[in-house]
Amino acid sequence: MTNRMFKTGVSRDQVSLLPARVEDYVGRENPVRAIEAFVAALDLERLGFGHAGSGGGAGQPPYDPADLLKLYLYGYTNRIRSSR
């Protein structure tokens, strides 16, 4: 994608108190792993998923479009209808 900085969360590989890694909260067979693999395989920029920032650098940085797509797909597969 672009060199634009996006908001980032805690790395899933970062060691924390309980459990040892954030990645350990999600089971190996959990459907979210398929969602993550699916979104990672997409060329989001070619599909039109860009940022909607002002370009002026004002305000908070936008969220990564890949993270928002993962969240939306998770909600859709779990029948959570609000995307606000």
PDB file of N, CA and C in Angstrom:
ATOM      1  N   MET A   1       0.841  -1.178   0.000  1.00  0.00           N
ATOM      2  CA  MET A   1       0.000   0.000   0.000  1.00  0.00           C
ATOM      3  C   MET A   1       0.887   1.243   0.000  1.00  0.00           C
ATOM      4  N   THR A   2       0.502   2.279   0.672  1.00  0.00           N
ATOM      5  CA  THR A   2       1.258   3.525   0.652  1.00  0.00           C
ATOM      6  C   THR A   2       2.162   3.619   1.872  1.00  0.00           C
ATOM      7  N   ASN A   3       2.921   4.693   1.933  1.00  0.00           N
ATOM      8  CA  ASN A   3       3.799   4.923   3.076  1.00  0.00           C
ATOM      9  C   ASN A   3       3.063   5.586   4.229  1.00  0.00           C
ATOM     10  N   ARG A   4       1.781   5.794   4.103  1.00  0.00           N
ATOM     11  CA  ARG A   4       0.988   6.475   5.120  1.00  0.00           C
ATOM     12  C   ARG A   4       0.976   5.671   6.411  1.00  0.00           C
ATOM     13  N   MET A   5       1.073   6.369   7.515  1.00  0.00           N
ATOM     14  CA  MET A   5       1.046   5.716   8.820  1.00  0.00           C
ATOM     15  C   MET A   5      -0.401   5.482   9.238  1.00  0.00           C
ATOM     16  N   PHE A   6      -0.700   4.281   9.702  1.00  0.00           N
ATOM     17  CA  PHE A   6      -2.024   3.943  10.197  1.00  0.00           C
ATOM     18  C   PHE A   6      -1.951   3.730  11.695  1.00  0.00           C
ATOM     19  N   LYS A   7      -3.097   3.832  12.362  1.00  0.00           N
ATOM     20  CA  LYS A   7      -3.150   3.489  13.774  1.00  0.00           C
ATOM     21  C   LYS A   7      -2.820   2.017  13.912  1.00  0.00           C
ATOM     22  N   THR A   8      -2.084   1.688  14.927  1.00  0.00           N
ATOM     23  CA  THR A   8      -1.731   0.293  15.141  1.00  0.00           C
ATOM     24  C   THR A   8      -2.076  -0.106  16.562  1.00  0.00           C
ATOM     25  N   GLY A   9      -2.399  -1.364  16.733  1.00  0.00           N
ATOM     26  CA  GLY A   9      -2.650  -1.907  18.054  1.00  0.00           C
ATOM     27  C   GLY A   9      -1.425  -2.642  18.540  1.00  0.00           C
ATOM     28  N   VAL A  10      -1.628  -3.404  19.567  1.00  0.00           N
ATOM     29  CA  VAL A  10      -0.538  -4.203  20.119  1.00  0.00           C
ATOM     30  C   VAL A  10      -0.230  -5.337  19.155  1.00  0.00           C
ATOM     31  N   SER A  11       1.028  -5.571  18.897  1.00  0.00           N
ATOM     32  CA  SER A  11       1.428  -6.683  18.040  1.00  0.00           C
ATOM     33  C   SER A  11       0.979  -7.989  18.673  1.00  0.00           C
ATOM     34  N   ARG A  12       0.423  -8.889  17.873  1.00  0.00           N
ATOM     35  CA  ARG A  12      -0.054 -10.158  18.419  1.00  0.00           C
ATOM     36  C   ARG A  12       1.093 -11.042  18.886  1.00  0.00           C
ATOM     37  N   ASP A  13       2.302 -10.724  18.487  1.00  0.00           N
ATOM     38  CA  ASP A  13       3.464 -11.500  18.912  1.00  0.00           C
ATOM     39  C   ASP A  13       4.151 -10.906  20.136  1.00  0.00           C
ATOM     40  N   GLN A  14       3.678  -9.741  20.595  1.00  0.00           N
ATOM     41  CA  GLN A  14       4.303  -9.094  21.740  1.00  0.00           C
ATOM     42  C   GLN A  14       4.008  -9.880  23.011  1.00  0.00           C
ATOM     43  N   VAL A  15       5.019 -10.085  23.808  1.00  0.00           N
ATOM     44  CA  VAL A  15       4.852 -10.807  25.068  1.00  0.00           C
ATOM     45  C   VAL A  15       4.126  -9.908  26.058  1.00  0.00           C
ATOM     46  N   SER A  16       3.084 -10.454  26.711  1.00  0.00           N
ATOM     47  CA  SER A  16       2.333  -9.721  27.715  1.00  0.00           C
ATOM     48  C   SER A  16       2.181 -10.600  28.953  1.00  0.00           C
ATOM     49  N   LEU A  17       1.436 -10.125  29.936  1.00  0.00           N
ATOM     50  CA  LEU A  17       1.346 -10.834  31.210  1.00  0.00           C
ATOM     51  C   LEU A  17       0.568 -12.140  31.100  1.00  0.00           C
ATOM     52  N   LEU A  18      -0.683 -12.104  30.716  1.00  0.00           N
ATOM     53  CA  LEU A  18      -1.518 -13.306  30.632  1.00  0.00           C
ATOM     54  C   LEU A  18      -2.342 -13.271  29.370  1.00  0.00           C
ATOM     55  N   PRO A  19      -2.376 -14.222  28.559  1.00  0.00           N
ATOM     56  CA  PRO A  19      -1.366 -15.250  28.360  1.00  0.00           C
ATOM     57  C   PRO A  19      -0.089 -14.631  27.815  1.00  0.00           C
ATOM     58  N   ALA A  20       0.852 -15.462  27.497  1.00  0.00           N
ATOM     59  CA  ALA A  20       2.175 -14.957  27.108  1.00  0.00           C
ATOM     60  C   ALA A  20       2.124 -14.081  25.861  1.00  0.00           C
ATOM     61  N   ARG A  21       1.234 -14.379  24.918  1.00  0.00           N
ATOM     62  CA  ARG A  21       1.101 -13.581  23.693  1.00  0.00           C
ATOM     63  C   ARG A  21      -0.374 -13.322  23.429  1.00  0.00           C
ATOM     64  N   VAL A  22      -0.683 -12.182  22.861  1.00  0.00           N
ATOM     65  CA  VAL A  22      -2.065 -11.871  22.500  1.00  0.00           C
ATOM     66  C   VAL A  22      -2.590 -12.920  21.522  1.00  0.00           C
ATOM     67  N   GLU A  23      -1.720 -13.417  20.672  1.00  0.00           N
ATOM     68  CA  GLU A  23      -2.086 -14.439  19.683  1.00  0.00           C
ATOM     69  C   GLU A  23      -2.628 -15.707  20.358  1.00  0.00           C
ATOM     70  N   ASP A  24      -2.243 -15.958  21.614  1.00  0.00           N
ATOM     71  CA  ASP A  24      -2.683 -17.158  22.326  1.00  0.00           C
ATOM     72  C   ASP A  24      -4.154 -17.107  22.732  1.00  0.00           C
ATOM     73  N   TYR A  25      -4.791 -15.959  22.671  1.00  0.00           N
ATOM     74  CA  TYR A  25      -6.212 -15.851  22.995  1.00  0.00           C
ATOM     75  C   TYR A  25      -7.082 -16.528  21.942  1.00  0.00           C
ATOM     76  N   VAL A  26      -6.585 -16.648  20.743  1.00  0.00           N
ATOM     77  CA  VAL A  26      -7.366 -17.180  19.624  1.00  0.00           C
ATOM     78  C   VAL A  26      -6.903 -18.601  19.323  1.00  0.00           C
ATOM     79  N   GLY A  27      -7.859 -19.536  19.308  1.00  0.00           N
ATOM     80  CA  GLY A  27      -7.524 -20.925  19.014  1.00  0.00           C
ATOM     81  C   GLY A  27      -7.064 -21.111  17.577  1.00  0.00           C
ATOM     82  N   ARG A  28      -6.349 -22.195  17.348  1.00  0.00           N
ATOM     83  CA  ARG A  28      -5.807 -22.453  16.003  1.00  0.00           C
ATOM     84  C   ARG A  28      -6.912 -22.693  14.983  1.00  0.00           C
ATOM     85  N   GLU A  29      -8.053 -23.216  15.405  1.00  0.00           N
ATOM     86  CA  GLU A  29      -9.153 -23.537  14.494  1.00  0.00           C
ATOM     87  C   GLU A  29     -10.223 -22.447  14.455  1.00  0.00           C
ATOM     88  N   ASN A  30      -9.981 -21.321  15.079  1.00  0.00           N
ATOM     89  CA  ASN A  30     -10.957 -20.239  15.116  1.00  0.00           C
ATOM     90  C   ASN A  30     -11.136 -19.650  13.716  1.00  0.00           C
ATOM     91  N   PRO A  31     -12.380 -19.368  13.325  1.00  0.00           N
ATOM     92  CA  PRO A  31     -12.635 -18.804  11.985  1.00  0.00           C
ATOM     93  C   PRO A  31     -11.946 -17.462  11.720  1.00  0.00           C
ATOM     94  N   VAL A  32     -11.571 -16.735  12.752  1.00  0.00           N
ATOM     95  CA  VAL A  32     -10.901 -15.451  12.508  1.00  0.00           C
ATOM     96  C   VAL A  32      -9.559 -15.647  11.819  1.00  0.00           C
ATOM     97  N   ARG A  33      -8.979 -16.805  11.971  1.00  0.00           N
ATOM     98  CA  ARG A  33      -7.715 -17.089  11.274  1.00  0.00           C
ATOM     99  C   ARG A  33      -7.949 -17.128   9.760  1.00  0.00           C
ATOM    100  N   ALA A  34      -9.083 -17.672   9.341  1.00  0.00           N
ATOM    101  CA  ALA A  34      -9.412 -17.702   7.912  1.00  0.00           C
ATOM    102  C   ALA A  34      -9.666 -16.292   7.389  1.00  0.00           C
ATOM    103  N   ILE A  35     -10.340 -15.469   8.195  1.00  0.00           N
ATOM    104  CA  ILE A  35     -10.593 -14.088   7.789  1.00  0.00           C
ATOM    105  C   ILE A  35      -9.272 -13.348   7.618  1.00  0.00           C
ATOM    106  N   GLU A  36      -8.367 -13.531   8.564  1.00  0.00           N
ATOM    107  CA  GLU A  36      -7.069 -12.855   8.466  1.00  0.00           C
ATOM    108  C   GLU A  36      -6.285 -13.313   7.239  1.00  0.00           C
ATOM    109  N   ALA A  37      -6.288 -14.612   6.978  1.00  0.00           N
ATOM    110  CA  ALA A  37      -5.568 -15.131   5.811  1.00  0.00           C
ATOM    111  C   ALA A  37      -6.198 -14.620   4.515  1.00  0.00           C
ATOM    112  N   PHE A  38      -7.526 -14.552   4.477  1.00  0.00           N
ATOM    113  CA  PHE A  38      -8.231 -14.070   3.292  1.00  0.00           C
ATOM    114  C   PHE A  38      -7.873 -12.616   3.000  1.00  0.00           C
ATOM    115  N   VAL A  39      -7.951 -11.762   4.026  1.00  0.00           N
ATOM    116  CA  VAL A  39      -7.662 -10.338   3.825  1.00  0.00           C
ATOM    117  C   VAL A  39      -6.187 -10.129   3.489  1.00  0.00           C
ATOM    118  N   ALA A  40      -5.304 -10.919   4.092  1.00  0.00           N
ATOM    119  CA  ALA A  40      -3.871 -10.793   3.805  1.00  0.00           C
ATOM    120  C   ALA A  40      -3.558 -11.152   2.354  1.00  0.00           C
ATOM    121  N   ALA A  41      -4.368 -12.018   1.752  1.00  0.00           N
ATOM    122  CA  ALA A  41      -4.128 -12.438   0.371  1.00  0.00           C
ATOM    123  C   ALA A  41      -4.651 -11.423  -0.651  1.00  0.00           C
ATOM    124  N   LEU A  42      -5.456 -10.465  -0.218  1.00  0.00           N
ATOM    125  CA  LEU A  42      -6.034  -9.481  -1.127  1.00  0.00           C
ATOM    126  C   LEU A  42      -5.069  -8.330  -1.388  1.00  0.00           C
ATOM    127  N   ASP A  43      -5.144  -7.784  -2.589  1.00  0.00           N
ATOM    128  CA  ASP A  43      -4.432  -6.552  -2.912  1.00  0.00           C
ATOM    129  C   ASP A  43      -5.429  -5.418  -2.686  1.00  0.00           C
ATOM    130  N   LEU A  44      -5.469  -4.907  -1.462  1.00  0.00           N
ATOM    131  CA  LEU A  44      -6.502  -3.948  -1.082  1.00  0.00           C
ATOM    132  C   LEU A  44      -6.407  -2.637  -1.852  1.00  0.00           C
ATOM    133  N   GLU A  45      -5.220  -2.212  -2.163  1.00  0.00           N
ATOM    134  CA  GLU A  45      -5.085  -0.957  -2.905  1.00  0.00           C
ATOM    135  C   GLU A  45      -5.674  -1.095  -4.307  1.00  0.00           C
ATOM    136  N   ARG A  46      -5.446  -2.220  -4.938  1.00  0.00           N
ATOM    137  CA  ARG A  46      -5.997  -2.459  -6.278  1.00  0.00           C
ATOM    138  C   ARG A  46      -7.518  -2.573  -6.229  1.00  0.00           C
ATOM    139  N   LEU A  47      -8.051  -3.041  -5.097  1.00  0.00           N
ATOM    140  CA  LEU A  47      -9.497  -3.172  -4.939  1.00  0.00           C
ATOM    141  C   LEU A  47     -10.170  -1.866  -4.529  1.00  0.00           C
ATOM    142  N   GLY A  48      -9.380  -0.822  -4.329  1.00  0.00           N
ATOM    143  CA  GLY A  48      -9.954   0.484  -4.022  1.00  0.00           C
ATOM    144  C   GLY A  48     -10.043   0.804  -2.547  1.00  0.00           C
ATOM    145  N   PHE A  49      -9.413   0.005  -1.701  1.00  0.00           N
ATOM    146  CA  PHE A  49      -9.422   0.280  -0.272  1.00  0.00           C
ATOM    147  C   PHE A  49      -8.249   1.197   0.054  1.00  0.00           C
ATOM    148  N   GLY A  50      -8.493   2.472  -0.027  1.00  0.00           N
ATOM    149  CA  GLY A  50      -7.464   3.445   0.319  1.00  0.00           C
ATOM    150  C   GLY A  50      -7.829   4.095   1.634  1.00  0.00           C
ATOM    151  N   HIS A  51      -7.131   5.145   1.964  1.00  0.00           N
ATOM    152  CA  HIS A  51      -7.459   5.870   3.181  1.00  0.00           C
ATOM    153  C   HIS A  51      -8.326   7.063   2.830  1.00  0.00           C
ATOM    154  N   ALA A  52      -9.095   7.506   3.798  1.00  0.00           N
ATOM    155  CA  ALA A  52      -9.973   8.646   3.586  1.00  0.00           C
ATOM    156  C   ALA A  52      -9.472   9.861   4.352  1.00  0.00           C
ATOM    157  N   GLY A  53      -8.188   9.901   4.632  1.00  0.00           N
ATOM    158  CA  GLY A  53      -7.613  11.004   5.394  1.00  0.00           C
ATOM    159  C   GLY A  53      -7.624  12.297   4.611  1.00  0.00           C
ATOM    160  N   SER A  54      -7.464  13.394   5.334  1.00  0.00           N
ATOM    161  CA  SER A  54      -7.492  14.707   4.692  1.00  0.00           C
ATOM    162  C   SER A  54      -6.217  14.988   3.907  1.00  0.00           C
ATOM    163  N   GLY A  55      -5.147  14.267   4.220  1.00  0.00           N
ATOM    164  CA  GLY A  55      -3.900  14.495   3.514  1.00  0.00           C
ATOM    165  C   GLY A  55      -3.099  15.643   4.082  1.00  0.00           C
ATOM    166  N   GLY A  56      -3.726  16.444   4.944  1.00  0.00           N
ATOM    167  CA  GLY A  56      -3.039  17.579   5.533  1.00  0.00           C
ATOM    168  C   GLY A  56      -2.277  17.232   6.792  1.00  0.00           C
ATOM    169  N   GLY A  57      -2.423  16.031   7.266  1.00  0.00           N
ATOM    170  CA  GLY A  57      -1.725  15.623   8.472  1.00  0.00           C
ATOM    171  C   GLY A  57      -2.432  16.036   9.750  1.00  0.00           C
ATOM    172  N   ALA A  58      -3.590  16.666   9.651  1.00  0.00           N
ATOM    173  CA  ALA A  58      -4.321  17.086  10.839  1.00  0.00           C
ATOM    174  C   ALA A  58      -5.116  15.918  11.410  1.00  0.00           C
ATOM    175  N   GLY A  59      -5.241  15.900  12.708  1.00  0.00           N
ATOM    176  CA  GLY A  59      -6.049  14.871  13.357  1.00  0.00           C
ATOM    177  C   GLY A  59      -5.296  13.571  13.554  1.00  0.00           C
ATOM    178  N   GLN A  60      -6.022  12.578  14.019  1.00  0.00           N
ATOM    179  CA  GLN A  60      -5.455  11.259  14.276  1.00  0.00           C
ATOM    180  C   GLN A  60      -5.214  10.528  12.962  1.00  0.00           C
ATOM    181  N   PRO A  61      -4.234   9.633  12.933  1.00  0.00           N
ATOM    182  CA  PRO A  61      -4.029   8.843  11.710  1.00  0.00           C
ATOM    183  C   PRO A  61      -5.194   7.880  11.507  1.00  0.00           C
ATOM    184  N   PRO A  62      -5.492   7.530  10.271  1.00  0.00           N
ATOM    185  CA  PRO A  62      -6.618   6.619  10.014  1.00  0.00           C
ATOM    186  C   PRO A  62      -6.267   5.188  10.407  1.00  0.00           C
ATOM    187  N   TYR A  63      -7.301   4.377  10.567  1.00  0.00           N
ATOM    188  CA  TYR A  63      -7.094   2.952  10.810  1.00  0.00           C
ATOM    189  C   TYR A  63      -6.680   2.281   9.508  1.00  0.00           C
ATOM    190  N   ASP A  64      -5.936   1.216   9.620  1.00  0.00           N
ATOM    191  CA  ASP A  64      -5.509   0.450   8.455  1.00  0.00           C
ATOM    192  C   ASP A  64      -6.744  -0.169   7.798  1.00  0.00           C
ATOM    193  N   PRO A  65      -6.944   0.035   6.497  1.00  0.00           N
ATOM    194  CA  PRO A  65      -8.109  -0.538   5.817  1.00  0.00           C
ATOM    195  C   PRO A  65      -8.200  -2.057   5.961  1.00  0.00           C
ATOM    196  N   ALA A  66      -7.078  -2.748   6.034  1.00  0.00           N
ATOM    197  CA  ALA A  66      -7.104  -4.205   6.205  1.00  0.00           C
ATOM    198  C   ALA A  66      -7.725  -4.575   7.547  1.00  0.00           C
ATOM    199  N   ASP A  67      -7.390  -3.823   8.605  1.00  0.00           N
ATOM    200  CA  ASP A  67      -7.968  -4.095   9.921  1.00  0.00           C
ATOM    201  C   ASP A  67      -9.469  -3.838   9.924  1.00  0.00           C
ATOM    202  N   LEU A  68      -9.899  -2.772   9.259  1.00  0.00           N
ATOM    203  CA  LEU A  68     -11.328  -2.469   9.202  1.00  0.00           C
ATOM    204  C   LEU A  68     -12.088  -3.526   8.402  1.00  0.00           C
ATOM    205  N   LEU A  69     -11.488  -4.011   7.324  1.00  0.00           N
ATOM    206  CA  LEU A  69     -12.131  -5.061   6.537  1.00  0.00           C
ATOM    207  C   LEU A  69     -12.242  -6.346   7.343  1.00  0.00           C
ATOM    208  N   LYS A  70     -11.203  -6.691   8.092  1.00  0.00           N
ATOM    209  CA  LYS A  70     -11.253  -7.880   8.951  1.00  0.00           C
ATOM    210  C   LYS A  70     -12.366  -7.753   9.980  1.00  0.00           C
ATOM    211  N   LEU A  71     -12.479  -6.583  10.584  1.00  0.00           N
ATOM    212  CA  LEU A  71     -13.520  -6.347  11.579  1.00  0.00           C
ATOM    213  C   LEU A  71     -14.907  -6.455  10.957  1.00  0.00           C
ATOM    214  N   TYR A  72     -15.086  -5.873   9.786  1.00  0.00           N
ATOM    215  CA  TYR A  72     -16.373  -5.926   9.096  1.00  0.00           C
ATOM    216  C   TYR A  72     -16.736  -7.365   8.724  1.00  0.00           C
ATOM    217  N   LEU A  73     -15.788  -8.119   8.187  1.00  0.00           N
ATOM    218  CA  LEU A  73     -16.051  -9.515   7.817  1.00  0.00           C
ATOM    219  C   LEU A  73     -16.350 -10.369   9.040  1.00  0.00           C
ATOM    220  N   TYR A  74     -15.658 -10.113  10.149  1.00  0.00           N
ATOM    221  CA  TYR A  74     -15.938 -10.844  11.384  1.00  0.00           C
ATOM    222  C   TYR A  74     -17.373 -10.580  11.832  1.00  0.00           C
ATOM    223  N   GLY A  75     -17.780  -9.316  11.818  1.00  0.00           N
ATOM    224  CA  GLY A  75     -19.149  -8.978  12.195  1.00  0.00           C
ATOM    225  C   GLY A  75     -20.164  -9.619  11.268  1.00  0.00           C
ATOM    226  N   TYR A  76     -19.888  -9.603   9.986  1.00  0.00           N
ATOM    227  CA  TYR A  76     -20.805 -10.195   9.010  1.00  0.00           C
ATOM    228  C   TYR A  76     -20.957 -11.693   9.236  1.00  0.00           C
ATOM    229  N   THR A  77     -19.856 -12.391   9.480  1.00  0.00           N
ATOM    230  CA  THR A  77     -19.933 -13.845   9.675  1.00  0.00           C
ATOM    231  C   THR A  77     -20.572 -14.215  11.004  1.00  0.00           C
ATOM    232  N   ASN A  78     -20.597 -13.278  11.957  1.00  0.00           N
ATOM    233  CA  ASN A  78     -21.207 -13.538  13.259  1.00  0.00           C
ATOM    234  C   ASN A  78     -22.549 -12.835  13.424  1.00  0.00           C
ATOM    235  N   ARG A  79     -23.110 -12.369  12.309  1.00  0.00           N
ATOM    236  CA  ARG A  79     -24.425 -11.724  12.273  1.00  0.00           C
ATOM    237  C   ARG A  79     -24.506 -10.487  13.166  1.00  0.00           C
ATOM    238  N   ILE A  80     -23.414  -9.749  13.219  1.00  0.00           N
ATOM    239  CA  ILE A  80     -23.391  -8.461  13.906  1.00  0.00           C
ATOM    240  C   ILE A  80     -23.591  -7.416  12.823  1.00  0.00           C
ATOM    241  N   ARG A  81     -24.744  -6.755  12.831  1.00  0.00           N
ATOM    242  CA  ARG A  81     -25.133  -5.950  11.681  1.00  0.00           C
ATOM    243  C   ARG A  81     -24.658  -4.510  11.719  1.00  0.00           C
ATOM    244  N   SER A  82     -24.264  -4.002  12.841  1.00  0.00           N
ATOM    245  CA  SER A  82     -23.820  -2.615  12.903  1.00  0.00           C
ATOM    246  C   SER A  82     -22.377  -2.503  12.431  1.00  0.00           C
ATOM    247  N   SER A  83     -22.103  -1.534  11.584  1.00  0.00           N
ATOM    248  CA  SER A  83     -20.721  -1.316  11.143  1.00  0.00           C
ATOM    249  C   SER A  83     -20.245   0.066  11.578  1.00  0.00           C
ATOM    250  N   ARG A  84     -20.853   0.621  12.606  1.00  0.00           N
ATOM    251  CA  ARG A  84     -20.449   1.937  13.109  1.00  0.00           C
ATOM    252  C   ARG A  84     -19.244   1.832  13.981  1.00  0.00           C
TER     253      ARG A  84
END
